N, C-alpha and C. Protein backbone atom coordinates (compact mmCIF):
# COMPACT_ATOMS: atom_id res chain seq x y z
N UNK A 1 47.27 188.04 -36.98
CA UNK A 1 46.09 187.41 -36.44
C UNK A 1 45.35 188.42 -35.56
N UNK A 2 44.03 188.48 -35.71
CA UNK A 2 43.22 189.40 -34.94
C UNK A 2 43.26 189.01 -33.46
N UNK A 3 43.05 189.99 -32.60
CA UNK A 3 43.15 189.77 -31.15
C UNK A 3 42.18 188.71 -30.66
N UNK A 4 40.93 188.76 -31.12
CA UNK A 4 39.93 187.78 -30.66
C UNK A 4 40.37 186.36 -31.00
N UNK A 5 40.84 186.15 -32.22
CA UNK A 5 41.29 184.83 -32.65
C UNK A 5 42.52 184.39 -31.87
N UNK A 6 43.40 185.35 -31.57
CA UNK A 6 44.59 185.06 -30.78
C UNK A 6 44.20 184.58 -29.37
N UNK A 7 43.20 185.21 -28.79
CA UNK A 7 42.72 184.82 -27.46
C UNK A 7 42.09 183.43 -27.51
N UNK A 8 41.27 183.18 -28.52
CA UNK A 8 40.63 181.86 -28.66
C UNK A 8 41.68 180.78 -28.84
N UNK A 9 42.67 181.03 -29.69
CA UNK A 9 43.74 180.06 -29.92
C UNK A 9 44.50 179.77 -28.63
N UNK A 10 44.78 180.82 -27.86
CA UNK A 10 45.48 180.64 -26.58
C UNK A 10 44.63 179.83 -25.60
N UNK A 11 43.34 180.11 -25.56
CA UNK A 11 42.44 179.37 -24.67
C UNK A 11 42.36 177.90 -25.06
N UNK A 12 42.28 177.62 -26.36
CA UNK A 12 42.25 176.24 -26.83
C UNK A 12 43.55 175.51 -26.49
N UNK A 13 44.66 176.20 -26.65
CA UNK A 13 45.96 175.61 -26.34
C UNK A 13 46.04 175.28 -24.84
N UNK A 14 45.61 176.22 -23.99
CA UNK A 14 45.61 175.98 -22.55
C UNK A 14 44.69 174.82 -22.17
N UNK A 15 43.49 174.80 -22.75
CA UNK A 15 42.54 173.73 -22.44
C UNK A 15 43.10 172.38 -22.83
N UNK A 16 43.79 172.32 -23.97
CA UNK A 16 44.35 171.05 -24.45
C UNK A 16 45.53 170.58 -23.59
N UNK A 17 46.33 171.52 -23.11
CA UNK A 17 47.54 171.13 -22.38
C UNK A 17 47.36 171.11 -20.87
N UNK A 18 46.50 171.99 -20.34
CA UNK A 18 46.37 172.10 -18.88
C UNK A 18 44.97 171.83 -18.38
N UNK A 19 44.04 171.56 -19.28
CA UNK A 19 42.66 171.28 -18.87
C UNK A 19 41.79 172.52 -18.85
N UNK A 20 40.49 172.28 -18.89
CA UNK A 20 39.53 173.37 -18.95
C UNK A 20 39.57 174.24 -17.70
N UNK A 21 39.97 173.66 -16.58
CA UNK A 21 40.05 174.41 -15.33
C UNK A 21 41.10 175.50 -15.36
N UNK A 22 42.01 175.43 -16.33
CA UNK A 22 43.08 176.44 -16.43
C UNK A 22 42.62 177.71 -17.13
N UNK A 23 41.39 177.73 -17.60
CA UNK A 23 40.94 178.87 -18.40
C UNK A 23 40.47 180.05 -17.56
N UNK A 24 41.36 180.54 -16.73
CA UNK A 24 41.06 181.78 -16.02
C UNK A 24 41.39 182.94 -16.96
N UNK A 25 40.77 184.06 -16.70
CA UNK A 25 41.02 185.24 -17.53
C UNK A 25 42.50 185.59 -17.52
N UNK A 26 43.10 185.56 -16.37
CA UNK A 26 44.52 185.92 -16.23
C UNK A 26 45.42 184.99 -17.04
N UNK A 27 45.21 183.68 -16.89
CA UNK A 27 46.06 182.71 -17.62
C UNK A 27 45.92 182.84 -19.12
N UNK A 28 44.68 182.95 -19.58
CA UNK A 28 44.45 183.06 -21.02
C UNK A 28 45.06 184.34 -21.56
N UNK A 29 44.91 185.43 -20.81
CA UNK A 29 45.49 186.71 -21.24
C UNK A 29 47.01 186.59 -21.37
N UNK A 30 47.65 185.98 -20.39
CA UNK A 30 49.11 185.80 -20.45
C UNK A 30 49.49 184.93 -21.64
N UNK A 31 48.78 183.81 -21.82
CA UNK A 31 49.07 182.89 -22.93
C UNK A 31 48.90 183.59 -24.29
N UNK A 32 47.89 184.47 -24.37
CA UNK A 32 47.62 185.18 -25.63
C UNK A 32 48.51 186.39 -25.83
N UNK A 33 49.19 186.81 -24.76
CA UNK A 33 50.05 187.98 -24.86
C UNK A 33 49.26 189.28 -24.91
N UNK A 34 48.11 189.28 -24.21
CA UNK A 34 47.28 190.50 -24.13
C UNK A 34 47.00 190.80 -22.66
N UNK A 35 46.53 191.98 -22.39
CA UNK A 35 46.15 192.34 -21.03
C UNK A 35 44.77 191.80 -20.70
N UNK A 36 44.50 191.66 -19.41
CA UNK A 36 43.19 191.17 -18.96
C UNK A 36 42.07 192.09 -19.42
N UNK A 37 42.33 193.38 -19.48
CA UNK A 37 41.31 194.33 -19.93
C UNK A 37 40.97 194.08 -21.40
N UNK A 38 41.98 193.82 -22.19
CA UNK A 38 41.75 193.52 -23.61
C UNK A 38 40.94 192.25 -23.75
N UNK A 39 41.30 191.22 -22.99
CA UNK A 39 40.56 189.97 -23.05
C UNK A 39 39.10 190.20 -22.67
N UNK A 40 38.87 190.98 -21.62
CA UNK A 40 37.50 191.25 -21.16
C UNK A 40 36.68 192.03 -22.19
N UNK A 41 37.35 192.78 -23.03
CA UNK A 41 36.63 193.50 -24.08
C UNK A 41 35.96 192.51 -25.04
N UNK A 42 36.64 191.38 -25.31
CA UNK A 42 36.11 190.37 -26.22
C UNK A 42 35.26 189.33 -25.50
N UNK A 43 35.63 189.03 -24.27
CA UNK A 43 34.93 188.02 -23.47
C UNK A 43 34.69 188.59 -22.07
N UNK A 44 33.58 189.30 -21.89
CA UNK A 44 33.32 189.98 -20.61
C UNK A 44 33.27 189.06 -19.40
N UNK A 45 32.90 187.79 -19.60
CA UNK A 45 32.83 186.87 -18.47
C UNK A 45 33.62 185.60 -18.80
N UNK A 46 33.99 184.88 -17.76
CA UNK A 46 34.69 183.61 -17.94
C UNK A 46 33.77 182.61 -18.64
N UNK A 47 32.47 182.68 -18.36
CA UNK A 47 31.50 181.79 -19.00
C UNK A 47 31.56 181.96 -20.52
N UNK A 48 31.58 183.22 -20.98
CA UNK A 48 31.64 183.46 -22.42
C UNK A 48 32.92 182.90 -23.04
N UNK A 49 34.01 183.00 -22.32
CA UNK A 49 35.27 182.45 -22.79
C UNK A 49 35.17 180.92 -22.89
N UNK A 50 34.61 180.28 -21.86
CA UNK A 50 34.46 178.83 -21.88
C UNK A 50 33.54 178.38 -23.02
N UNK A 51 32.47 179.11 -23.24
CA UNK A 51 31.53 178.73 -24.29
C UNK A 51 32.17 178.79 -25.67
N UNK A 52 32.95 179.82 -25.92
CA UNK A 52 33.59 179.92 -27.23
C UNK A 52 34.63 178.81 -27.40
N UNK A 53 35.28 178.41 -26.33
CA UNK A 53 36.23 177.30 -26.40
C UNK A 53 35.49 176.02 -26.78
N UNK A 54 34.35 175.76 -26.13
CA UNK A 54 33.56 174.57 -26.45
C UNK A 54 33.12 174.59 -27.91
N UNK A 55 32.64 175.74 -28.37
CA UNK A 55 32.18 175.87 -29.75
C UNK A 55 33.31 175.65 -30.74
N UNK A 56 34.46 176.24 -30.47
CA UNK A 56 35.61 176.09 -31.37
C UNK A 56 36.11 174.66 -31.38
N UNK A 57 36.10 174.02 -30.20
CA UNK A 57 36.55 172.63 -30.14
C UNK A 57 35.68 171.75 -31.02
N UNK A 58 34.36 171.89 -30.90
CA UNK A 58 33.44 171.08 -31.71
C UNK A 58 33.60 171.43 -33.19
N UNK A 59 33.66 172.71 -33.50
CA UNK A 59 33.76 173.14 -34.89
C UNK A 59 35.04 172.62 -35.55
N UNK A 60 36.15 172.65 -34.81
CA UNK A 60 37.44 172.26 -35.38
C UNK A 60 37.69 170.76 -35.36
N UNK A 61 37.04 170.03 -34.47
CA UNK A 61 37.41 168.62 -34.32
C UNK A 61 36.35 167.63 -34.78
N UNK A 62 35.17 168.11 -35.17
CA UNK A 62 34.10 167.21 -35.61
C UNK A 62 33.67 167.61 -37.01
N UNK A 63 33.85 166.69 -37.96
CA UNK A 63 33.57 166.98 -39.36
C UNK A 63 32.42 166.10 -39.85
N UNK A 64 31.76 166.53 -40.91
CA UNK A 64 30.67 165.73 -41.49
C UNK A 64 31.19 164.57 -42.34
N UNK A 65 32.46 164.58 -42.65
CA UNK A 65 33.09 163.52 -43.44
C UNK A 65 32.24 163.16 -44.65
N UNK A 66 31.94 161.88 -44.82
CA UNK A 66 31.21 161.44 -46.02
C UNK A 66 29.76 161.07 -45.72
N UNK A 67 29.18 161.68 -44.70
CA UNK A 67 27.82 161.30 -44.28
C UNK A 67 26.81 161.42 -45.42
N UNK A 68 27.02 162.32 -46.35
CA UNK A 68 26.06 162.53 -47.45
C UNK A 68 26.40 161.73 -48.71
N UNK A 69 27.42 160.90 -48.67
CA UNK A 69 27.84 160.14 -49.85
C UNK A 69 26.97 158.90 -50.01
N UNK A 70 25.95 159.00 -50.84
CA UNK A 70 24.99 157.91 -51.02
C UNK A 70 25.58 156.66 -51.68
N UNK A 71 26.79 156.75 -52.18
CA UNK A 71 27.41 155.59 -52.81
C UNK A 71 27.99 154.63 -51.77
N UNK A 72 28.07 155.09 -50.52
CA UNK A 72 28.67 154.28 -49.45
C UNK A 72 27.61 153.78 -48.49
N UNK A 73 27.91 152.69 -47.82
CA UNK A 73 27.03 152.10 -46.82
C UNK A 73 26.71 153.14 -45.74
N UNK A 74 25.43 153.41 -45.48
CA UNK A 74 25.06 154.44 -44.51
C UNK A 74 25.52 154.13 -43.08
N UNK A 75 25.55 152.85 -42.71
CA UNK A 75 26.02 152.54 -41.35
C UNK A 75 27.52 152.82 -41.23
N UNK A 76 28.27 152.59 -42.31
CA UNK A 76 29.71 152.89 -42.30
C UNK A 76 29.93 154.40 -42.23
N UNK A 77 29.13 155.16 -42.97
CA UNK A 77 29.25 156.63 -42.93
C UNK A 77 28.97 157.15 -41.53
N UNK A 78 27.91 156.63 -40.90
CA UNK A 78 27.57 157.06 -39.54
C UNK A 78 28.67 156.65 -38.57
N UNK A 79 29.17 155.43 -38.71
CA UNK A 79 30.26 154.96 -37.85
C UNK A 79 31.47 155.89 -37.95
N UNK A 80 31.88 156.26 -39.15
CA UNK A 80 33.06 157.12 -39.33
C UNK A 80 32.86 158.47 -38.67
N UNK A 81 31.66 159.02 -38.78
CA UNK A 81 31.38 160.30 -38.14
C UNK A 81 31.44 160.17 -36.62
N UNK A 82 30.81 159.13 -36.10
CA UNK A 82 30.79 158.92 -34.65
C UNK A 82 32.18 158.62 -34.10
N UNK A 83 33.00 157.92 -34.88
CA UNK A 83 34.34 157.53 -34.41
C UNK A 83 35.20 158.75 -34.11
N UNK A 84 34.90 159.88 -34.73
CA UNK A 84 35.64 161.11 -34.43
C UNK A 84 35.49 161.54 -32.98
N UNK A 85 34.40 161.13 -32.34
CA UNK A 85 34.09 161.56 -30.99
C UNK A 85 34.70 160.68 -29.91
N UNK A 86 35.36 159.60 -30.32
CA UNK A 86 35.85 158.62 -29.36
C UNK A 86 37.14 159.05 -28.67
N UNK A 87 37.29 158.62 -27.40
CA UNK A 87 38.60 158.77 -26.77
C UNK A 87 39.56 157.82 -27.47
N UNK A 88 40.81 158.18 -27.55
CA UNK A 88 41.75 157.36 -28.30
C UNK A 88 42.27 156.17 -27.52
N UNK A 89 41.74 155.97 -26.32
CA UNK A 89 42.15 154.82 -25.52
C UNK A 89 42.97 155.24 -24.32
N UNK A 90 42.70 154.62 -23.21
CA UNK A 90 43.45 154.92 -22.00
C UNK A 90 43.13 156.29 -21.44
N UNK A 91 44.01 156.75 -20.59
CA UNK A 91 43.79 158.02 -19.89
C UNK A 91 44.44 159.15 -20.68
N UNK A 92 43.87 159.48 -21.81
CA UNK A 92 44.42 160.51 -22.68
C UNK A 92 44.04 161.89 -22.17
N UNK A 93 44.64 162.91 -22.77
CA UNK A 93 44.30 164.29 -22.40
C UNK A 93 42.82 164.56 -22.64
N UNK A 94 42.26 163.98 -23.72
CA UNK A 94 40.84 164.19 -24.00
C UNK A 94 39.97 163.58 -22.91
N UNK A 95 40.33 162.38 -22.46
CA UNK A 95 39.57 161.72 -21.40
C UNK A 95 39.69 162.50 -20.11
N UNK A 96 40.92 162.90 -19.79
CA UNK A 96 41.13 163.69 -18.57
C UNK A 96 40.36 165.00 -18.63
N UNK A 97 40.39 165.64 -19.81
CA UNK A 97 39.67 166.91 -19.96
C UNK A 97 38.17 166.73 -19.80
N UNK A 98 37.64 165.65 -20.36
CA UNK A 98 36.21 165.36 -20.23
C UNK A 98 35.84 165.19 -18.76
N UNK A 99 36.66 164.40 -18.04
CA UNK A 99 36.38 164.16 -16.63
C UNK A 99 36.52 165.45 -15.83
N UNK A 100 37.58 166.20 -16.09
CA UNK A 100 37.80 167.43 -15.35
C UNK A 100 36.64 168.40 -15.53
N UNK A 101 36.15 168.50 -16.73
CA UNK A 101 35.03 169.38 -17.02
C UNK A 101 33.80 168.99 -16.20
N UNK A 102 33.51 167.70 -16.14
CA UNK A 102 32.37 167.24 -15.35
C UNK A 102 32.60 167.44 -13.86
N UNK A 103 33.81 167.19 -13.40
CA UNK A 103 34.12 167.39 -11.98
C UNK A 103 33.97 168.87 -11.61
N UNK A 104 34.47 169.74 -12.47
CA UNK A 104 34.40 171.16 -12.18
C UNK A 104 32.98 171.72 -12.27
N UNK A 105 32.10 170.99 -12.92
CA UNK A 105 30.73 171.47 -13.03
C UNK A 105 29.86 171.02 -11.85
N UNK A 106 30.29 169.95 -11.16
CA UNK A 106 29.43 169.41 -10.11
C UNK A 106 30.17 169.09 -8.82
N UNK A 107 31.46 169.12 -8.82
CA UNK A 107 32.23 168.76 -7.63
C UNK A 107 32.19 169.84 -6.57
N UNK A 108 32.91 169.59 -5.49
CA UNK A 108 32.93 170.55 -4.38
C UNK A 108 33.60 171.86 -4.78
N UNK A 109 34.44 171.81 -5.78
CA UNK A 109 35.09 173.04 -6.26
C UNK A 109 34.49 173.50 -7.59
N UNK A 110 33.19 173.27 -7.75
CA UNK A 110 32.49 173.57 -9.01
C UNK A 110 32.63 175.04 -9.39
N UNK A 111 32.77 175.26 -10.69
CA UNK A 111 32.79 176.62 -11.22
C UNK A 111 31.67 176.72 -12.26
N UNK A 112 30.89 177.80 -12.20
CA UNK A 112 29.74 177.92 -13.12
C UNK A 112 30.13 177.80 -14.59
N UNK A 113 31.28 178.31 -14.96
CA UNK A 113 31.69 178.27 -16.36
C UNK A 113 31.80 176.84 -16.87
N UNK A 114 32.21 175.91 -16.00
CA UNK A 114 32.36 174.52 -16.44
C UNK A 114 31.02 173.92 -16.79
N UNK A 115 30.00 174.20 -16.00
CA UNK A 115 28.67 173.67 -16.30
C UNK A 115 28.15 174.22 -17.63
N UNK A 116 28.34 175.51 -17.83
CA UNK A 116 27.90 176.11 -19.10
C UNK A 116 28.68 175.51 -20.28
N UNK A 117 29.96 175.22 -20.06
CA UNK A 117 30.77 174.64 -21.11
C UNK A 117 30.28 173.25 -21.47
N UNK A 118 29.98 172.43 -20.46
CA UNK A 118 29.45 171.08 -20.71
C UNK A 118 28.14 171.17 -21.47
N UNK A 119 27.26 172.03 -20.99
CA UNK A 119 25.96 172.17 -21.65
C UNK A 119 26.13 172.62 -23.09
N UNK A 120 27.02 173.57 -23.31
CA UNK A 120 27.25 174.07 -24.67
C UNK A 120 27.86 172.99 -25.56
N UNK A 121 28.87 172.30 -25.06
CA UNK A 121 29.51 171.25 -25.87
C UNK A 121 28.52 170.14 -26.19
N UNK A 122 27.74 169.72 -25.20
CA UNK A 122 26.75 168.67 -25.45
C UNK A 122 25.67 169.13 -26.42
N UNK A 123 25.25 170.38 -26.31
CA UNK A 123 24.26 170.92 -27.24
C UNK A 123 24.81 170.95 -28.66
N UNK A 124 26.05 171.40 -28.81
CA UNK A 124 26.67 171.46 -30.13
C UNK A 124 26.88 170.07 -30.72
N UNK A 125 27.32 169.12 -29.90
CA UNK A 125 27.49 167.76 -30.39
C UNK A 125 26.15 167.13 -30.76
N UNK A 126 25.12 167.39 -29.94
CA UNK A 126 23.79 166.87 -30.25
C UNK A 126 23.28 167.44 -31.57
N UNK A 127 23.55 168.72 -31.81
CA UNK A 127 23.14 169.32 -33.09
C UNK A 127 23.86 168.64 -34.26
N UNK A 128 25.14 168.37 -34.09
CA UNK A 128 25.90 167.71 -35.16
C UNK A 128 25.37 166.29 -35.37
N UNK A 129 25.10 165.57 -34.28
CA UNK A 129 24.55 164.22 -34.39
C UNK A 129 23.19 164.24 -35.10
N UNK A 130 22.34 165.20 -34.73
CA UNK A 130 21.04 165.31 -35.39
C UNK A 130 21.21 165.61 -36.88
N UNK A 131 22.20 166.44 -37.21
CA UNK A 131 22.44 166.76 -38.62
C UNK A 131 22.82 165.49 -39.39
N UNK A 132 23.73 164.69 -38.83
CA UNK A 132 24.13 163.46 -39.50
C UNK A 132 22.95 162.52 -39.67
N UNK A 133 22.18 162.35 -38.62
CA UNK A 133 21.04 161.43 -38.67
C UNK A 133 19.93 161.95 -39.58
N UNK A 134 19.75 163.26 -39.62
CA UNK A 134 18.76 163.85 -40.53
C UNK A 134 19.14 163.60 -41.98
N UNK A 135 20.42 163.72 -42.29
CA UNK A 135 20.88 163.43 -43.65
C UNK A 135 20.54 161.98 -44.01
N UNK A 136 20.80 161.06 -43.09
CA UNK A 136 20.48 159.66 -43.34
C UNK A 136 18.97 159.44 -43.44
N UNK A 137 18.20 160.12 -42.62
CA UNK A 137 16.74 160.00 -42.66
C UNK A 137 16.20 160.55 -43.98
N UNK A 138 16.74 161.67 -44.43
CA UNK A 138 16.30 162.26 -45.70
C UNK A 138 16.56 161.32 -46.88
N UNK A 139 17.51 160.42 -46.73
CA UNK A 139 17.84 159.47 -47.79
C UNK A 139 17.18 158.10 -47.57
N UNK A 140 16.29 158.04 -46.57
CA UNK A 140 15.53 156.83 -46.33
C UNK A 140 16.24 155.75 -45.53
N UNK A 141 17.35 156.11 -44.84
CA UNK A 141 18.10 155.12 -44.09
C UNK A 141 17.60 154.91 -42.66
N UNK A 142 16.74 155.80 -42.19
CA UNK A 142 16.06 155.64 -40.92
C UNK A 142 14.84 156.55 -40.93
N UNK A 143 13.94 156.31 -39.99
CA UNK A 143 12.72 157.11 -39.96
C UNK A 143 13.00 158.48 -39.34
N UNK A 144 12.46 159.54 -39.90
CA UNK A 144 12.72 160.89 -39.37
C UNK A 144 12.36 161.04 -37.89
N UNK A 145 11.33 160.35 -37.44
CA UNK A 145 10.92 160.48 -36.03
C UNK A 145 11.92 159.82 -35.07
N UNK A 146 12.89 159.08 -35.61
CA UNK A 146 13.90 158.43 -34.78
C UNK A 146 15.14 159.30 -34.56
N UNK A 147 15.26 160.38 -35.29
CA UNK A 147 16.48 161.19 -35.28
C UNK A 147 16.82 161.68 -33.88
N UNK A 148 15.90 162.33 -33.19
CA UNK A 148 16.21 162.90 -31.87
C UNK A 148 16.60 161.83 -30.86
N UNK A 149 15.87 160.73 -30.84
CA UNK A 149 16.19 159.65 -29.90
C UNK A 149 17.55 159.03 -30.16
N UNK A 150 17.87 158.82 -31.44
CA UNK A 150 19.18 158.25 -31.78
C UNK A 150 20.31 159.24 -31.47
N UNK A 151 20.07 160.52 -31.67
CA UNK A 151 21.09 161.52 -31.35
C UNK A 151 21.37 161.52 -29.85
N UNK A 152 20.33 161.47 -29.06
CA UNK A 152 20.48 161.42 -27.61
C UNK A 152 21.22 160.15 -27.18
N UNK A 153 20.86 159.03 -27.77
CA UNK A 153 21.52 157.76 -27.45
C UNK A 153 23.00 157.79 -27.82
N UNK A 154 23.31 158.36 -28.98
CA UNK A 154 24.71 158.43 -29.43
C UNK A 154 25.54 159.28 -28.48
N UNK A 155 25.00 160.41 -28.05
CA UNK A 155 25.73 161.28 -27.13
C UNK A 155 25.95 160.57 -25.79
N UNK A 156 24.93 159.87 -25.32
CA UNK A 156 25.05 159.11 -24.07
C UNK A 156 26.10 158.02 -24.22
N UNK A 157 26.11 157.34 -25.36
CA UNK A 157 27.08 156.28 -25.60
C UNK A 157 28.51 156.82 -25.61
N UNK A 158 28.72 157.92 -26.31
CA UNK A 158 30.06 158.51 -26.37
C UNK A 158 30.52 158.95 -24.98
N UNK A 159 29.64 159.61 -24.22
CA UNK A 159 29.99 160.02 -22.86
C UNK A 159 30.33 158.80 -22.00
N UNK A 160 29.58 157.72 -22.18
CA UNK A 160 29.85 156.49 -21.44
C UNK A 160 31.20 155.89 -21.80
N UNK A 161 31.57 155.95 -23.06
CA UNK A 161 32.87 155.44 -23.48
C UNK A 161 34.01 156.25 -22.87
N UNK A 162 33.80 157.56 -22.75
CA UNK A 162 34.80 158.40 -22.08
C UNK A 162 34.91 158.02 -20.62
N UNK A 163 33.78 157.82 -19.96
CA UNK A 163 33.78 157.44 -18.55
C UNK A 163 34.48 156.09 -18.37
N UNK A 164 34.19 155.14 -19.24
CA UNK A 164 34.84 153.84 -19.19
C UNK A 164 36.36 153.97 -19.36
N UNK A 165 36.79 154.80 -20.30
CA UNK A 165 38.23 155.00 -20.52
C UNK A 165 38.89 155.63 -19.30
N UNK A 166 38.15 156.48 -18.59
CA UNK A 166 38.69 157.12 -17.40
C UNK A 166 38.78 156.13 -16.24
N UNK A 167 37.72 155.36 -16.02
CA UNK A 167 37.67 154.45 -14.88
C UNK A 167 38.53 153.21 -15.07
N UNK A 168 38.63 152.73 -16.30
CA UNK A 168 39.36 151.50 -16.59
C UNK A 168 40.37 151.72 -17.72
N UNK A 169 41.36 152.55 -17.48
CA UNK A 169 42.30 152.88 -18.56
C UNK A 169 43.06 151.67 -19.10
N UNK A 170 43.28 150.67 -18.26
CA UNK A 170 44.02 149.49 -18.73
C UNK A 170 43.16 148.60 -19.62
N UNK A 171 41.84 148.68 -19.45
CA UNK A 171 40.93 147.84 -20.24
C UNK A 171 40.38 148.57 -21.46
N UNK A 172 40.39 149.89 -21.42
CA UNK A 172 39.80 150.67 -22.51
C UNK A 172 40.80 150.74 -23.68
N UNK A 173 40.31 150.44 -24.85
CA UNK A 173 41.15 150.61 -26.03
C UNK A 173 40.27 151.09 -27.17
N UNK A 174 40.92 151.68 -28.14
CA UNK A 174 40.21 152.29 -29.26
C UNK A 174 39.43 151.26 -30.07
N UNK A 175 39.97 150.08 -30.25
CA UNK A 175 39.27 149.05 -31.03
C UNK A 175 37.94 148.67 -30.38
N UNK A 176 37.95 148.49 -29.07
CA UNK A 176 36.71 148.15 -28.35
C UNK A 176 35.70 149.28 -28.48
N UNK A 177 36.16 150.50 -28.31
CA UNK A 177 35.26 151.66 -28.44
C UNK A 177 34.70 151.74 -29.85
N UNK A 178 35.55 151.51 -30.85
CA UNK A 178 35.08 151.54 -32.25
C UNK A 178 34.07 150.43 -32.52
N UNK A 179 34.30 149.26 -31.96
CA UNK A 179 33.34 148.17 -32.14
C UNK A 179 31.99 148.53 -31.54
N UNK A 180 32.00 149.20 -30.41
CA UNK A 180 30.75 149.64 -29.77
C UNK A 180 30.03 150.64 -30.65
N UNK A 181 30.78 151.60 -31.19
CA UNK A 181 30.19 152.61 -32.07
C UNK A 181 29.69 151.96 -33.37
N UNK A 182 30.45 151.01 -33.89
CA UNK A 182 30.02 150.31 -35.11
C UNK A 182 28.70 149.57 -34.86
N UNK A 183 28.62 148.88 -33.72
CA UNK A 183 27.39 148.17 -33.35
C UNK A 183 26.22 149.15 -33.32
N UNK A 184 26.43 150.31 -32.69
CA UNK A 184 25.38 151.32 -32.59
C UNK A 184 24.95 151.79 -33.99
N UNK A 185 25.92 152.12 -34.84
CA UNK A 185 25.61 152.62 -36.18
C UNK A 185 24.82 151.59 -36.98
N UNK A 186 25.20 150.33 -36.85
CA UNK A 186 24.48 149.28 -37.58
C UNK A 186 23.06 149.11 -37.06
N UNK A 187 22.84 149.28 -35.77
CA UNK A 187 21.49 149.18 -35.21
C UNK A 187 20.63 150.37 -35.61
N UNK A 188 21.23 151.54 -35.66
CA UNK A 188 20.48 152.75 -36.02
C UNK A 188 20.00 152.68 -37.45
N UNK A 189 20.89 152.33 -38.35
CA UNK A 189 20.54 152.27 -39.76
C UNK A 189 19.79 150.97 -40.05
N UNK A 190 20.16 149.91 -39.34
CA UNK A 190 19.45 148.64 -39.43
C UNK A 190 19.49 148.01 -40.79
N UNK A 191 18.43 147.30 -41.10
CA UNK A 191 18.37 146.53 -42.35
C UNK A 191 18.27 147.43 -43.58
N UNK A 192 18.02 148.72 -43.35
CA UNK A 192 17.92 149.64 -44.48
C UNK A 192 19.25 149.76 -45.22
N UNK A 193 20.36 149.39 -44.54
CA UNK A 193 21.67 149.48 -45.22
C UNK A 193 22.06 148.16 -45.85
N UNK A 194 21.18 147.14 -45.76
CA UNK A 194 21.54 145.82 -46.27
C UNK A 194 21.93 145.84 -47.75
N UNK A 195 21.32 146.72 -48.53
CA UNK A 195 21.63 146.76 -49.96
C UNK A 195 23.04 147.28 -50.24
N UNK A 196 23.68 147.88 -49.23
CA UNK A 196 25.04 148.39 -49.42
C UNK A 196 26.09 147.38 -49.06
N UNK A 197 25.70 146.25 -48.47
CA UNK A 197 26.69 145.28 -47.99
C UNK A 197 27.10 144.34 -49.09
């Protein structure tokens, strides 16, 4: 495995097990089995390291699934894509990581890399959401001028579901979150999907 990929893999592993706040140059270098100088050759700043982690996380964990399959109900296709973004219920590592990232970007112990990571992850997710909605718009399932607004709403909804899972872990469950996402998908596509039911 090439050194850059080894560093990225180590950073992703650390972020998943110890949180985004653990992504110091020193820790990632140790986890990857390389020296700090070698790591800096590939990622000169901690911000660059955090950004690549955000990009890899989105690239590896969010798929287009069957969004372009015109034989299936468009609201169901959108729901399945959106469901990938949900917390799995309760205070999971994903929920904790989401909260930690926001705390580190704005809290009293804020680190600049965390803010850039949030911005990058949200930008990448918004791009993926726009891609899904554009595919549906191109097939006549929603109006093209609605794509940006719906993408923004979907990202806000997903972030809210994470916040709810963090604040109320005993009340948050995957079925409730999925029902919320299903409701959203059906409203976005609306009556245009009626012929698929």
